[in-house]
Amino acid sequence: MEFQEKETEKFKKAKKRVEELKGFYIHLTVYLVINSFIVVNILIRSWSGGDAFWQFGTFFTPFFWGIGLAFHGFKVFDYNPILGKKWEERQIKKYIEKDKRDAAKYK
């Protein structure tokens, strides 16, 4: 019985992971399609005498949406360069040592 529960939990975790990956890839695809359309549209208008292509406004949407997409990717692929696994391990060791020192004071 316990084996089946563990397998069910593993399946649920794997399914959740696949859904997160699928969500990221859908987000990436939408980002590429929409922003390609925007940039190509602005490029065509700049060739026909409209707005200049190399303006901040041209890349406003791709830039800020790209930042959001990057954070989405960091979350999905479990990448955190600042507060990553090594940082967590150091903090855990630090607090364990502190608890040991505090416990030794009262013995």
N, C-alpha and C. Protein backbone atom coordinates (compact mmCIF):
# COMPACT_ATOMS: atom_id res chain seq x y z
N MET A 1 0.83 -1.20 0.00
CA MET A 1 0.00 0.00 0.00
C MET A 1 0.87 1.26 0.00
N GLU A 2 1.90 1.26 0.85
CA GLU A 2 2.77 2.42 0.95
C GLU A 2 3.53 2.66 -0.35
N PHE A 3 3.92 1.59 -1.02
CA PHE A 3 4.63 1.70 -2.29
C PHE A 3 3.77 2.41 -3.32
N GLN A 4 2.50 2.06 -3.37
CA GLN A 4 1.58 2.69 -4.34
C GLN A 4 1.42 4.18 -4.05
N GLU A 5 1.35 4.53 -2.77
CA GLU A 5 1.22 5.94 -2.41
C GLU A 5 2.45 6.74 -2.84
N LYS A 6 3.65 6.13 -2.65
CA LYS A 6 4.87 6.81 -3.07
C LYS A 6 4.91 6.97 -4.58
N GLU A 7 4.50 5.94 -5.30
CA GLU A 7 4.47 6.01 -6.76
C GLU A 7 3.46 7.05 -7.24
N THR A 8 2.31 7.11 -6.56
CA THR A 8 1.30 8.11 -6.92
C THR A 8 1.84 9.51 -6.70
N GLU A 9 2.53 9.70 -5.60
CA GLU A 9 3.11 11.02 -5.32
C GLU A 9 4.18 11.38 -6.33
N LYS A 10 5.02 10.41 -6.69
CA LYS A 10 6.03 10.65 -7.72
C LYS A 10 5.38 11.02 -9.04
N PHE A 11 4.29 10.32 -9.37
CA PHE A 11 3.58 10.61 -10.61
C PHE A 11 3.03 12.03 -10.58
N LYS A 12 2.45 12.43 -9.46
CA LYS A 12 1.90 13.78 -9.35
C LYS A 12 3.00 14.84 -9.50
N LYS A 13 4.16 14.60 -8.87
CA LYS A 13 5.27 15.55 -8.98
C LYS A 13 5.77 15.62 -10.43
N ALA A 14 5.89 14.46 -11.06
CA ALA A 14 6.35 14.44 -12.45
C ALA A 14 5.35 15.14 -13.37
N LYS A 15 4.08 14.91 -13.13
CA LYS A 15 3.04 15.55 -13.95
C LYS A 15 3.08 17.07 -13.75
N LYS A 16 3.25 17.52 -12.52
CA LYS A 16 3.33 18.95 -12.24
C LYS A 16 4.54 19.56 -12.94
N ARG A 17 5.67 18.86 -12.91
CA ARG A 17 6.89 19.33 -13.56
C ARG A 17 6.68 19.47 -15.07
N VAL A 18 6.04 18.46 -15.67
CA VAL A 18 5.77 18.50 -17.11
C VAL A 18 4.84 19.66 -17.44
N GLU A 19 3.85 19.91 -16.61
CA GLU A 19 2.93 21.03 -16.84
C GLU A 19 3.66 22.36 -16.75
N GLU A 20 4.61 22.48 -15.79
CA GLU A 20 5.40 23.70 -15.69
C GLU A 20 6.25 23.91 -16.94
N LEU A 21 6.89 22.84 -17.41
CA LEU A 21 7.70 22.94 -18.63
C LEU A 21 6.83 23.31 -19.83
N LYS A 22 5.68 22.68 -19.93
CA LYS A 22 4.76 22.96 -21.03
C LYS A 22 4.33 24.43 -20.99
N GLY A 23 4.02 24.92 -19.80
CA GLY A 23 3.63 26.33 -19.65
C GLY A 23 4.74 27.27 -20.08
N PHE A 24 5.99 26.93 -19.73
CA PHE A 24 7.10 27.78 -20.14
C PHE A 24 7.28 27.77 -21.64
N TYR A 25 7.21 26.59 -22.25
CA TYR A 25 7.40 26.51 -23.71
C TYR A 25 6.27 27.21 -24.46
N ILE A 26 5.07 27.16 -23.94
CA ILE A 26 3.96 27.90 -24.55
C ILE A 26 4.22 29.40 -24.42
N HIS A 27 4.66 29.83 -23.24
CA HIS A 27 4.99 31.24 -23.00
C HIS A 27 6.08 31.69 -23.97
N LEU A 28 7.12 30.88 -24.13
CA LEU A 28 8.22 31.20 -25.04
C LEU A 28 7.73 31.31 -26.49
N THR A 29 6.88 30.38 -26.90
CA THR A 29 6.35 30.41 -28.27
C THR A 29 5.52 31.65 -28.52
N VAL A 30 4.64 31.97 -27.59
CA VAL A 30 3.80 33.18 -27.73
C VAL A 30 4.68 34.42 -27.77
N TYR A 31 5.69 34.46 -26.92
CA TYR A 31 6.63 35.58 -26.90
C TYR A 31 7.28 35.77 -28.26
N LEU A 32 7.80 34.68 -28.82
CA LEU A 32 8.49 34.77 -30.11
C LEU A 32 7.54 35.19 -31.23
N VAL A 33 6.35 34.62 -31.27
CA VAL A 33 5.41 34.94 -32.34
C VAL A 33 4.95 36.40 -32.26
N ILE A 34 4.49 36.80 -31.11
CA ILE A 34 3.96 38.16 -30.94
C ILE A 34 5.05 39.21 -31.16
N ASN A 35 6.20 39.01 -30.54
CA ASN A 35 7.25 40.03 -30.66
C ASN A 35 7.88 40.04 -32.05
N SER A 36 7.92 38.92 -32.73
CA SER A 36 8.37 38.92 -34.13
C SER A 36 7.42 39.75 -34.97
N PHE A 37 6.13 39.56 -34.75
CA PHE A 37 5.13 40.34 -35.48
C PHE A 37 5.30 41.84 -35.21
N ILE A 38 5.48 42.20 -33.94
CA ILE A 38 5.63 43.61 -33.57
C ILE A 38 6.87 44.21 -34.23
N VAL A 39 7.99 43.54 -34.12
CA VAL A 39 9.25 44.08 -34.65
C VAL A 39 9.20 44.15 -36.18
N VAL A 40 8.68 43.11 -36.83
CA VAL A 40 8.58 43.14 -38.30
C VAL A 40 7.63 44.26 -38.74
N ASN A 41 6.54 44.44 -38.05
CA ASN A 41 5.59 45.51 -38.37
C ASN A 41 6.26 46.89 -38.26
N ILE A 42 7.00 47.11 -37.20
CA ILE A 42 7.70 48.39 -37.02
C ILE A 42 8.78 48.55 -38.07
N LEU A 43 9.48 47.47 -38.41
CA LEU A 43 10.51 47.53 -39.44
C LEU A 43 9.91 47.92 -40.79
N ILE A 44 8.80 47.33 -41.14
CA ILE A 44 8.13 47.66 -42.41
C ILE A 44 7.68 49.12 -42.42
N ARG A 45 7.12 49.58 -41.29
CA ARG A 45 6.70 50.98 -41.22
C ARG A 45 7.88 51.94 -41.30
N SER A 46 9.02 51.56 -40.73
CA SER A 46 10.19 52.44 -40.79
C SER A 46 10.73 52.52 -42.22
N TRP A 47 10.61 51.45 -42.99
CA TRP A 47 11.06 51.47 -44.39
C TRP A 47 10.16 52.36 -45.25
N SER A 48 8.91 52.46 -44.87
CA SER A 48 7.98 53.26 -45.67
C SER A 48 7.91 54.71 -45.19
N GLY A 49 8.89 55.13 -44.41
CA GLY A 49 8.96 56.53 -44.01
C GLY A 49 8.27 56.84 -42.70
N GLY A 50 7.89 55.84 -41.96
CA GLY A 50 7.23 56.06 -40.67
C GLY A 50 8.24 56.29 -39.56
N ASP A 51 7.95 55.78 -38.40
CA ASP A 51 8.83 55.95 -37.24
C ASP A 51 10.20 55.30 -37.49
N ALA A 52 11.19 55.82 -36.81
CA ALA A 52 12.53 55.24 -36.89
C ALA A 52 12.53 53.88 -36.18
N PHE A 53 13.28 52.94 -36.73
CA PHE A 53 13.31 51.58 -36.16
C PHE A 53 14.06 51.53 -34.85
N TRP A 54 15.19 52.21 -34.74
CA TRP A 54 16.04 52.11 -33.56
C TRP A 54 15.63 53.11 -32.49
N GLN A 55 14.44 52.91 -31.95
CA GLN A 55 13.96 53.69 -30.81
C GLN A 55 13.69 52.74 -29.66
N PHE A 56 13.68 53.29 -28.46
CA PHE A 56 13.41 52.45 -27.30
C PHE A 56 12.02 51.83 -27.39
N GLY A 57 11.06 52.60 -27.88
CA GLY A 57 9.69 52.12 -27.99
C GLY A 57 9.56 50.90 -28.88
N THR A 58 10.46 50.76 -29.84
CA THR A 58 10.43 49.61 -30.73
C THR A 58 10.64 48.32 -29.96
N PHE A 59 11.52 48.37 -28.99
CA PHE A 59 11.88 47.16 -28.25
C PHE A 59 11.33 47.14 -26.82
N PHE A 60 10.41 48.04 -26.52
CA PHE A 60 9.84 48.13 -25.18
C PHE A 60 9.15 46.83 -24.78
N THR A 61 8.24 46.36 -25.61
CA THR A 61 7.50 45.13 -25.29
C THR A 61 8.42 43.91 -25.26
N PRO A 62 9.24 43.67 -26.29
CA PRO A 62 10.12 42.50 -26.23
C PRO A 62 11.08 42.53 -25.03
N PHE A 63 11.57 43.72 -24.68
CA PHE A 63 12.53 43.82 -23.58
C PHE A 63 11.90 43.45 -22.24
N PHE A 64 10.80 44.12 -21.90
CA PHE A 64 10.20 43.88 -20.59
C PHE A 64 9.50 42.52 -20.52
N TRP A 65 8.89 42.10 -21.60
CA TRP A 65 8.29 40.76 -21.63
C TRP A 65 9.40 39.72 -21.53
N GLY A 66 10.55 40.00 -22.15
CA GLY A 66 11.69 39.09 -22.07
C GLY A 66 12.21 38.93 -20.66
N ILE A 67 12.17 40.02 -19.89
CA ILE A 67 12.57 39.93 -18.48
C ILE A 67 11.62 38.99 -17.74
N GLY A 68 10.32 39.17 -17.98
CA GLY A 68 9.34 38.27 -17.36
C GLY A 68 9.53 36.83 -17.78
N LEU A 69 9.81 36.63 -19.05
CA LEU A 69 10.05 35.28 -19.57
C LEU A 69 11.30 34.66 -18.92
N ALA A 70 12.33 35.48 -18.74
CA ALA A 70 13.55 34.98 -18.09
C ALA A 70 13.26 34.52 -16.66
N PHE A 71 12.50 35.31 -15.92
CA PHE A 71 12.16 34.90 -14.55
C PHE A 71 11.30 33.64 -14.55
N HIS A 72 10.40 33.53 -15.52
CA HIS A 72 9.59 32.31 -15.65
C HIS A 72 10.52 31.11 -15.89
N GLY A 73 11.50 31.28 -16.77
CA GLY A 73 12.46 30.22 -17.04
C GLY A 73 13.29 29.86 -15.82
N PHE A 74 13.73 30.88 -15.06
CA PHE A 74 14.49 30.62 -13.84
C PHE A 74 13.68 29.77 -12.87
N LYS A 75 12.40 30.09 -12.75
CA LYS A 75 11.54 29.34 -11.83
C LYS A 75 11.34 27.90 -12.31
N VAL A 76 11.04 27.74 -13.59
CA VAL A 76 10.75 26.41 -14.13
C VAL A 76 11.99 25.52 -14.09
N PHE A 77 13.15 26.07 -14.44
CA PHE A 77 14.37 25.27 -14.49
C PHE A 77 15.15 25.32 -13.18
N ASP A 78 14.51 25.85 -12.13
CA ASP A 78 15.07 25.86 -10.78
C ASP A 78 16.47 26.47 -10.75
N TYR A 79 16.61 27.64 -11.34
CA TYR A 79 17.89 28.33 -11.39
C TYR A 79 17.79 29.59 -10.55
N ASN A 80 18.62 29.67 -9.54
CA ASN A 80 18.67 30.85 -8.69
C ASN A 80 20.12 31.10 -8.32
N PRO A 81 20.80 31.95 -9.08
CA PRO A 81 22.23 32.14 -8.83
C PRO A 81 22.54 32.83 -7.50
N ILE A 82 21.60 33.57 -6.97
CA ILE A 82 21.86 34.32 -5.74
C ILE A 82 21.49 33.49 -4.52
N LEU A 83 20.29 32.96 -4.50
CA LEU A 83 19.81 32.19 -3.35
C LEU A 83 19.60 30.73 -3.77
N GLY A 84 20.62 30.11 -4.31
CA GLY A 84 20.52 28.75 -4.83
C GLY A 84 20.70 27.70 -3.75
N LYS A 85 20.92 26.48 -4.19
CA LYS A 85 21.05 25.33 -3.28
C LYS A 85 22.25 25.47 -2.36
N LYS A 86 23.38 25.94 -2.89
CA LYS A 86 24.58 26.07 -2.05
C LYS A 86 24.34 27.09 -0.94
N TRP A 87 23.65 28.17 -1.27
CA TRP A 87 23.33 29.18 -0.26
C TRP A 87 22.43 28.58 0.82
N GLU A 88 21.42 27.80 0.39
CA GLU A 88 20.52 27.15 1.34
C GLU A 88 21.29 26.22 2.26
N GLU A 89 22.19 25.42 1.70
CA GLU A 89 22.98 24.49 2.51
C GLU A 89 23.84 25.24 3.53
N ARG A 90 24.47 26.34 3.10
CA ARG A 90 25.28 27.13 4.04
C ARG A 90 24.42 27.69 5.17
N GLN A 91 23.25 28.18 4.83
CA GLN A 91 22.36 28.74 5.86
C GLN A 91 21.90 27.67 6.83
N ILE A 92 21.57 26.50 6.32
CA ILE A 92 21.14 25.39 7.19
C ILE A 92 22.26 25.02 8.14
N LYS A 93 23.49 24.87 7.61
CA LYS A 93 24.64 24.52 8.46
C LYS A 93 24.87 25.60 9.51
N LYS A 94 24.73 26.85 9.09
CA LYS A 94 24.94 27.97 10.01
C LYS A 94 23.94 27.89 11.18
N TYR A 95 22.68 27.64 10.88
CA TYR A 95 21.68 27.60 11.94
C TYR A 95 21.80 26.34 12.80
N ILE A 96 22.23 25.24 12.22
CA ILE A 96 22.46 24.03 13.01
C ILE A 96 23.59 24.27 14.01
N GLU A 97 24.69 24.88 13.52
CA GLU A 97 25.82 25.19 14.40
C GLU A 97 25.40 26.17 15.50
N LYS A 98 24.60 27.16 15.15
CA LYS A 98 24.13 28.13 16.15
C LYS A 98 23.28 27.42 17.21
N ASP A 99 22.39 26.54 16.77
CA ASP A 99 21.57 25.79 17.73
C ASP A 99 22.43 24.92 18.64
N LYS A 100 23.48 24.31 18.09
CA LYS A 100 24.39 23.48 18.91
C LYS A 100 25.10 24.34 19.94
N ARG A 101 25.58 25.53 19.53
CA ARG A 101 26.25 26.42 20.47
C ARG A 101 25.29 26.88 21.56
N ASP A 102 24.06 27.22 21.18
CA ASP A 102 23.06 27.66 22.16
C ASP A 102 22.71 26.54 23.13
N ALA A 103 22.61 25.33 22.63
CA ALA A 103 22.29 24.18 23.49
C ALA A 103 23.43 23.88 24.43
N ALA A 104 24.67 24.08 23.97
CA ALA A 104 25.84 23.82 24.82
C ALA A 104 25.94 24.82 25.96
N LYS A 105 25.40 26.01 25.80
CA LYS A 105 25.43 27.01 26.85
C LYS A 105 24.63 26.57 28.08
N TYR A 106 23.56 25.84 27.84
CA TYR A 106 22.63 25.50 28.92
C TYR A 106 22.86 24.11 29.49
N LYS A 107 23.93 23.44 29.11
CA LYS A 107 24.22 22.11 29.66
C LYS A 107 25.03 22.19 30.91
